[in-house]
Amino acid sequence: MRSRSRDDANRREYIAYFAVIFLVALPMACVTWTLTAARHMRLPKKSPLRTAWSEASIITSMILSA
């Protein structure tokens, strides 16, 4: 029973960190995506949403593993 509440707490902490990092990463990903599209005159393979999601996932995992 105790490990379940600990797992729930860890999950809530992950979601909280992820949400904050995602919200910070999203505008930067949009700007980068727009500049890349303008420079190369074609759309990048990854959308800004997917890029921000990936970055948030990586950074959150790094923070919580430290």
PDB file of N, CA and C in Angstrom:
ATOM      1  N   MET A   1       0.819  -1.193   0.000  1.00  0.00           N
ATOM      2  CA  MET A   1       0.000   0.000   0.000  1.00  0.00           C
ATOM      3  C   MET A   1       0.864   1.258   0.000  1.00  0.00           C
ATOM      4  N   ARG A   2       1.934   1.229   0.759  1.00  0.00           N
ATOM      5  CA  ARG A   2       2.793   2.390   0.875  1.00  0.00           C
ATOM      6  C   ARG A   2       3.523   2.680  -0.437  1.00  0.00           C
ATOM      7  N   SER A   3       3.963   1.625  -1.145  1.00  0.00           N
ATOM      8  CA  SER A   3       4.676   1.836  -2.404  1.00  0.00           C
ATOM      9  C   SER A   3       3.749   2.425  -3.464  1.00  0.00           C
ATOM     10  N   ARG A   4       2.459   2.086  -3.395  1.00  0.00           N
ATOM     11  CA  ARG A   4       1.503   2.646  -4.363  1.00  0.00           C
ATOM     12  C   ARG A   4       1.371   4.153  -4.168  1.00  0.00           C
ATOM     13  N   SER A   5       1.283   4.607  -2.934  1.00  0.00           N
ATOM     14  CA  SER A   5       1.175   6.050  -2.696  1.00  0.00           C
ATOM     15  C   SER A   5       2.470   6.752  -3.092  1.00  0.00           C
ATOM     16  N   ARG A   6       3.589   6.078  -2.922  1.00  0.00           N
ATOM     17  CA  ARG A   6       4.875   6.654  -3.340  1.00  0.00           C
ATOM     18  C   ARG A   6       4.936   6.746  -4.866  1.00  0.00           C
ATOM     19  N   ASP A   7       4.446   5.704  -5.543  1.00  0.00           N
ATOM     20  CA  ASP A   7       4.402   5.729  -7.008  1.00  0.00           C
ATOM     21  C   ASP A   7       3.486   6.835  -7.505  1.00  0.00           C
ATOM     22  N   ASP A   8       2.338   7.000  -6.830  1.00  0.00           N
ATOM     23  CA  ASP A   8       1.421   8.077  -7.202  1.00  0.00           C
ATOM     24  C   ASP A   8       2.068   9.446  -7.004  1.00  0.00           C
ATOM     25  N   ALA A   9       2.792   9.600  -5.919  1.00  0.00           N
ATOM     26  CA  ALA A   9       3.471  10.869  -5.650  1.00  0.00           C
ATOM     27  C   ALA A   9       4.545  11.128  -6.702  1.00  0.00           C
ATOM     28  N   ASN A  10       5.288  10.089  -7.064  1.00  0.00           N
ATOM     29  CA  ASN A  10       6.316  10.251  -8.095  1.00  0.00           C
ATOM     30  C   ASN A  10       5.695  10.619  -9.438  1.00  0.00           C
ATOM     31  N   ARG A  11       4.565  10.014  -9.736  1.00  0.00           N
ATOM     32  CA  ARG A  11       3.874  10.307 -11.000  1.00  0.00           C
ATOM     33  C   ARG A  11       3.358  11.743 -11.015  1.00  0.00           C
ATOM     34  N   ARG A  12       2.792  12.188  -9.909  1.00  0.00           N
ATOM     35  CA  ARG A  12       2.316  13.576  -9.833  1.00  0.00           C
ATOM     36  C   ARG A  12       3.474  14.553  -9.970  1.00  0.00           C
ATOM     37  N   GLU A  13       4.607  14.232  -9.351  1.00  0.00           N
ATOM     38  CA  GLU A  13       5.784  15.097  -9.457  1.00  0.00           C
ATOM     39  C   GLU A  13       6.273  15.145 -10.903  1.00  0.00           C
ATOM     40  N   TYR A  14       6.318  14.001 -11.568  1.00  0.00           N
ATOM     41  CA  TYR A  14       6.731  13.950 -12.972  1.00  0.00           C
ATOM     42  C   TYR A  14       5.800  14.799 -13.832  1.00  0.00           C
ATOM     43  N   ILE A  15       4.498  14.646 -13.625  1.00  0.00           N
ATOM     44  CA  ILE A  15       3.526  15.397 -14.426  1.00  0.00           C
ATOM     45  C   ILE A  15       3.666  16.895 -14.187  1.00  0.00           C
ATOM     46  N   ALA A  16       3.895  17.292 -12.952  1.00  0.00           N
ATOM     47  CA  ALA A  16       4.048  18.717 -12.642  1.00  0.00           C
ATOM     48  C   ALA A  16       5.283  19.295 -13.332  1.00  0.00           C
ATOM     49  N   TYR A  17       6.415  18.619 -13.204  1.00  0.00           N
ATOM     50  CA  TYR A  17       7.634  19.086 -13.863  1.00  0.00           C
ATOM     51  C   TYR A  17       7.461  19.088 -15.385  1.00  0.00           C
ATOM     52  N   PHE A  18       6.881  18.017 -15.900  1.00  0.00           N
ATOM     53  CA  PHE A  18       6.688  17.901 -17.340  1.00  0.00           C
ATOM     54  C   PHE A  18       5.844  19.052 -17.870  1.00  0.00           C
ATOM     55  N   ALA A  19       4.759  19.368 -17.189  1.00  0.00           N
ATOM     56  CA  ALA A  19       3.855  20.429 -17.640  1.00  0.00           C
ATOM     57  C   ALA A  19       4.570  21.780 -17.696  1.00  0.00           C
ATOM     58  N   VAL A  20       5.322  22.087 -16.670  1.00  0.00           N
ATOM     59  CA  VAL A  20       6.040  23.372 -16.638  1.00  0.00           C
ATOM     60  C   VAL A  20       7.077  23.429 -17.752  1.00  0.00           C
ATOM     61  N   ILE A  21       7.849  22.378 -17.889  1.00  0.00           N
ATOM     62  CA  ILE A  21       8.903  22.364 -18.915  1.00  0.00           C
ATOM     63  C   ILE A  21       8.290  22.393 -20.306  1.00  0.00           C
ATOM     64  N   PHE A  22       7.195  21.666 -20.509  1.00  0.00           N
ATOM     65  CA  PHE A  22       6.526  21.660 -21.803  1.00  0.00           C
ATOM     66  C   PHE A  22       6.024  23.059 -22.165  1.00  0.00           C
ATOM     67  N   LEU A  23       5.431  23.749 -21.213  1.00  0.00           N
ATOM     68  CA  LEU A  23       4.916  25.093 -21.474  1.00  0.00           C
ATOM     69  C   LEU A  23       6.030  26.093 -21.782  1.00  0.00           C
ATOM     70  N   VAL A  24       7.199  25.868 -21.242  1.00  0.00           N
ATOM     71  CA  VAL A  24       8.340  26.727 -21.560  1.00  0.00           C
ATOM     72  C   VAL A  24       8.937  26.349 -22.917  1.00  0.00           C
ATOM     73  N   ALA A  25       8.980  25.060 -23.212  1.00  0.00           N
ATOM     74  CA  ALA A  25       9.599  24.586 -24.446  1.00  0.00           C
ATOM     75  C   ALA A  25       8.744  24.857 -25.684  1.00  0.00           C
ATOM     76  N   LEU A  26       7.432  24.904 -25.523  1.00  0.00           N
ATOM     77  CA  LEU A  26       6.538  25.047 -26.678  1.00  0.00           C
ATOM     78  C   LEU A  26       6.756  26.345 -27.467  1.00  0.00           C
ATOM     79  N   PRO A  27       6.806  27.514 -26.836  1.00  0.00           N
ATOM     80  CA  PRO A  27       7.052  28.728 -27.634  1.00  0.00           C
ATOM     81  C   PRO A  27       8.413  28.710 -28.342  1.00  0.00           C
ATOM     82  N   MET A  28       9.422  28.179 -27.656  1.00  0.00           N
ATOM     83  CA  MET A  28      10.742  28.107 -28.287  1.00  0.00           C
ATOM     84  C   MET A  28      10.733  27.151 -29.469  1.00  0.00           C
ATOM     85  N   ALA A  29      10.011  26.051 -29.343  1.00  0.00           N
ATOM     86  CA  ALA A  29       9.908  25.095 -30.447  1.00  0.00           C
ATOM     87  C   ALA A  29       9.161  25.715 -31.623  1.00  0.00           C
ATOM     88  N   CYS A  30       8.145  26.512 -31.344  1.00  0.00           N
ATOM     89  CA  CYS A  30       7.396  27.186 -32.426  1.00  0.00           C
ATOM     90  C   CYS A  30       8.276  28.175 -33.174  1.00  0.00           C
ATOM     91  N   VAL A  31       9.054  28.941 -32.444  1.00  0.00           N
ATOM     92  CA  VAL A  31       9.955  29.908 -33.083  1.00  0.00           C
ATOM     93  C   VAL A  31      10.991  29.181 -33.918  1.00  0.00           C
ATOM     94  N   THR A  32      11.589  28.142 -33.360  1.00  0.00           N
ATOM     95  CA  THR A  32      12.598  27.374 -34.084  1.00  0.00           C
ATOM     96  C   THR A  32      12.004  26.732 -35.332  1.00  0.00           C
ATOM     97  N   TRP A  33      10.806  26.177 -35.206  1.00  0.00           N
ATOM     98  CA  TRP A  33      10.134  25.546 -36.335  1.00  0.00           C
ATOM     99  C   TRP A  33       9.870  26.565 -37.434  1.00  0.00           C
ATOM    100  N   THR A  34       9.387  27.748 -37.052  1.00  0.00           N
ATOM    101  CA  THR A  34       9.098  28.805 -38.030  1.00  0.00           C
ATOM    102  C   THR A  34      10.362  29.270 -38.732  1.00  0.00           C
ATOM    103  N   LEU A  35      11.413  29.496 -37.993  1.00  0.00           N
ATOM    104  CA  LEU A  35      12.672  29.946 -38.596  1.00  0.00           C
ATOM    105  C   LEU A  35      13.269  28.881 -39.512  1.00  0.00           C
ATOM    106  N   THR A  36      13.187  27.626 -39.108  1.00  0.00           N
ATOM    107  CA  THR A  36      13.695  26.542 -39.948  1.00  0.00           C
ATOM    108  C   THR A  36      12.881  26.434 -41.233  1.00  0.00           C
ATOM    109  N   ALA A  37      11.571  26.558 -41.111  1.00  0.00           N
ATOM    110  CA  ALA A  37      10.714  26.490 -42.301  1.00  0.00           C
ATOM    111  C   ALA A  37      11.008  27.651 -43.243  1.00  0.00           C
ATOM    112  N   ALA A  38      11.222  28.828 -42.692  1.00  0.00           N
ATOM    113  CA  ALA A  38      11.507  29.998 -43.531  1.00  0.00           C
ATOM    114  C   ALA A  38      12.879  29.876 -44.192  1.00  0.00           C
ATOM    115  N   ARG A  39      13.838  29.355 -43.465  1.00  0.00           N
ATOM    116  CA  ARG A  39      15.192  29.272 -43.992  1.00  0.00           C
ATOM    117  C   ARG A  39      15.311  28.223 -45.092  1.00  0.00           C
ATOM    118  N   HIS A  40      14.705  27.070 -44.905  1.00  0.00           N
ATOM    119  CA  HIS A  40      14.836  25.967 -45.857  1.00  0.00           C
ATOM    120  C   HIS A  40      13.694  25.897 -46.872  1.00  0.00           C
ATOM    121  N   MET A  41      12.683  26.746 -46.672  1.00  0.00           N
ATOM    122  CA  MET A  41      11.525  26.804 -47.571  1.00  0.00           C
ATOM    123  C   MET A  41      10.788  25.465 -47.661  1.00  0.00           C
ATOM    124  N   ARG A  42      10.772  24.741 -46.564  1.00  0.00           N
ATOM    125  CA  ARG A  42       9.983  23.515 -46.462  1.00  0.00           C
ATOM    126  C   ARG A  42       9.707  23.278 -44.984  1.00  0.00           C
ATOM    127  N   LEU A  43       8.681  22.494 -44.717  1.00  0.00           N
ATOM    128  CA  LEU A  43       8.309  22.238 -43.332  1.00  0.00           C
ATOM    129  C   LEU A  43       9.228  21.192 -42.707  1.00  0.00           C
ATOM    130  N   PRO A  44       9.661  21.426 -41.471  1.00  0.00           N
ATOM    131  CA  PRO A  44      10.462  20.414 -40.777  1.00  0.00           C
ATOM    132  C   PRO A  44       9.656  19.136 -40.545  1.00  0.00           C
ATOM    133  N   LYS A  45      10.368  18.027 -40.366  1.00  0.00           N
ATOM    134  CA  LYS A  45       9.701  16.733 -40.190  1.00  0.00           C
ATOM    135  C   LYS A  45       8.903  16.676 -38.893  1.00  0.00           C
ATOM    136  N   LYS A  46       9.459  17.217 -37.809  1.00  0.00           N
ATOM    137  CA  LYS A  46       8.773  17.182 -36.516  1.00  0.00           C
ATOM    138  C   LYS A  46       8.011  18.486 -36.296  1.00  0.00           C
ATOM    139  N   SER A  47       6.787  18.362 -35.838  1.00  0.00           N
ATOM    140  CA  SER A  47       5.986  19.550 -35.527  1.00  0.00           C
ATOM    141  C   SER A  47       6.528  20.203 -34.250  1.00  0.00           C
ATOM    142  N   PRO A  48       6.194  21.465 -34.028  1.00  0.00           N
ATOM    143  CA  PRO A  48       6.658  22.112 -32.802  1.00  0.00           C
ATOM    144  C   PRO A  48       6.093  21.435 -31.546  1.00  0.00           C
ATOM    145  N   LEU A  49       4.890  20.928 -31.642  1.00  0.00           N
ATOM    146  CA  LEU A  49       4.286  20.243 -30.503  1.00  0.00           C
ATOM    147  C   LEU A  49       5.065  18.971 -30.164  1.00  0.00           C
ATOM    148  N   ARG A  50       5.398  18.202 -31.180  1.00  0.00           N
ATOM    149  CA  ARG A  50       6.163  16.964 -30.974  1.00  0.00           C
ATOM    150  C   ARG A  50       7.572  17.271 -30.451  1.00  0.00           C
ATOM    151  N   THR A  51       8.186  18.335 -30.964  1.00  0.00           N
ATOM    152  CA  THR A  51       9.516  18.715 -30.508  1.00  0.00           C
ATOM    153  C   THR A  51       9.491  19.124 -29.034  1.00  0.00           C
ATOM    154  N   ALA A  52       8.534  19.957 -28.655  1.00  0.00           N
ATOM    155  CA  ALA A  52       8.424  20.403 -27.266  1.00  0.00           C
ATOM    156  C   ALA A  52       8.129  19.219 -26.348  1.00  0.00           C
ATOM    157  N   TRP A  53       7.264  18.307 -26.784  1.00  0.00           N
ATOM    158  CA  TRP A  53       6.936  17.121 -25.989  1.00  0.00           C
ATOM    159  C   TRP A  53       8.196  16.278 -25.753  1.00  0.00           C
ATOM    160  N   SER A  54       8.967  16.077 -26.807  1.00  0.00           N
ATOM    161  CA  SER A  54      10.189  15.286 -26.707  1.00  0.00           C
ATOM    162  C   SER A  54      11.200  15.944 -25.770  1.00  0.00           C
ATOM    163  N   GLU A  55      11.388  17.247 -25.923  1.00  0.00           N
ATOM    164  CA  GLU A  55      12.336  17.961 -25.066  1.00  0.00           C
ATOM    165  C   GLU A  55      11.894  17.924 -23.608  1.00  0.00           C
ATOM    166  N   ALA A  56      10.612  18.124 -23.365  1.00  0.00           N
ATOM    167  CA  ALA A  56      10.108  18.100 -22.000  1.00  0.00           C
ATOM    168  C   ALA A  56      10.287  16.720 -21.379  1.00  0.00           C
ATOM    169  N   SER A  57      10.050  15.686 -22.148  1.00  0.00           N
ATOM    170  CA  SER A  57      10.218  14.334 -21.652  1.00  0.00           C
ATOM    171  C   SER A  57      11.681  14.060 -21.258  1.00  0.00           C
ATOM    172  N   ILE A  58      12.575  14.456 -22.126  1.00  0.00           N
ATOM    173  CA  ILE A  58      14.005  14.231 -21.871  1.00  0.00           C
ATOM    174  C   ILE A  58      14.480  15.022 -20.648  1.00  0.00           C
ATOM    175  N   ILE A  59      14.129  16.291 -20.591  1.00  0.00           N
ATOM    176  CA  ILE A  59      14.593  17.148 -19.503  1.00  0.00           C
ATOM    177  C   ILE A  59      13.976  16.711 -18.169  1.00  0.00           C
ATOM    178  N   THR A  60      12.692  16.371 -18.164  1.00  0.00           N
ATOM    179  CA  THR A  60      12.051  15.927 -16.926  1.00  0.00           C
ATOM    180  C   THR A  60      12.688  14.648 -16.411  1.00  0.00           C
ATOM    181  N   SER A  61      12.977  13.730 -17.294  1.00  0.00           N
ATOM    182  CA  SER A  61      13.645  12.488 -16.866  1.00  0.00           C
ATOM    183  C   SER A  61      15.021  12.770 -16.282  1.00  0.00           C
ATOM    184  N   MET A  62      15.731  13.697 -16.881  1.00  0.00           N
ATOM    185  CA  MET A  62      17.057  14.053 -16.377  1.00  0.00           C
ATOM    186  C   MET A  62      16.963  14.680 -14.984  1.00  0.00           C
ATOM    187  N   ILE A  63      16.002  15.541 -14.793  1.00  0.00           N
ATOM    188  CA  ILE A  63      15.835  16.207 -13.494  1.00  0.00           C
ATOM    189  C   ILE A  63      15.486  15.192 -12.402  1.00  0.00           C
ATOM    190  N   LEU A  64      14.549  14.314 -12.700  1.00  0.00           N
ATOM    191  CA  LEU A  64      14.100  13.380 -11.664  1.00  0.00           C
ATOM    192  C   LEU A  64      15.070  12.234 -11.418  1.00  0.00           C
ATOM    193  N   SER A  65      15.968  11.990 -12.326  1.00  0.00           N
ATOM    194  CA  SER A  65      16.948  10.920 -12.087  1.00  0.00           C
ATOM    195  C   SER A  65      18.158  11.415 -11.301  1.00  0.00           C
ATOM    196  N   ALA A  66      18.299  12.710 -11.182  1.00  0.00           N
ATOM    197  CA  ALA A  66      19.453  13.273 -10.461  1.00  0.00           C
ATOM    198  C   ALA A  66      19.287  13.191  -8.964  1.00  0.00           C
TER     199      ALA A  66
END
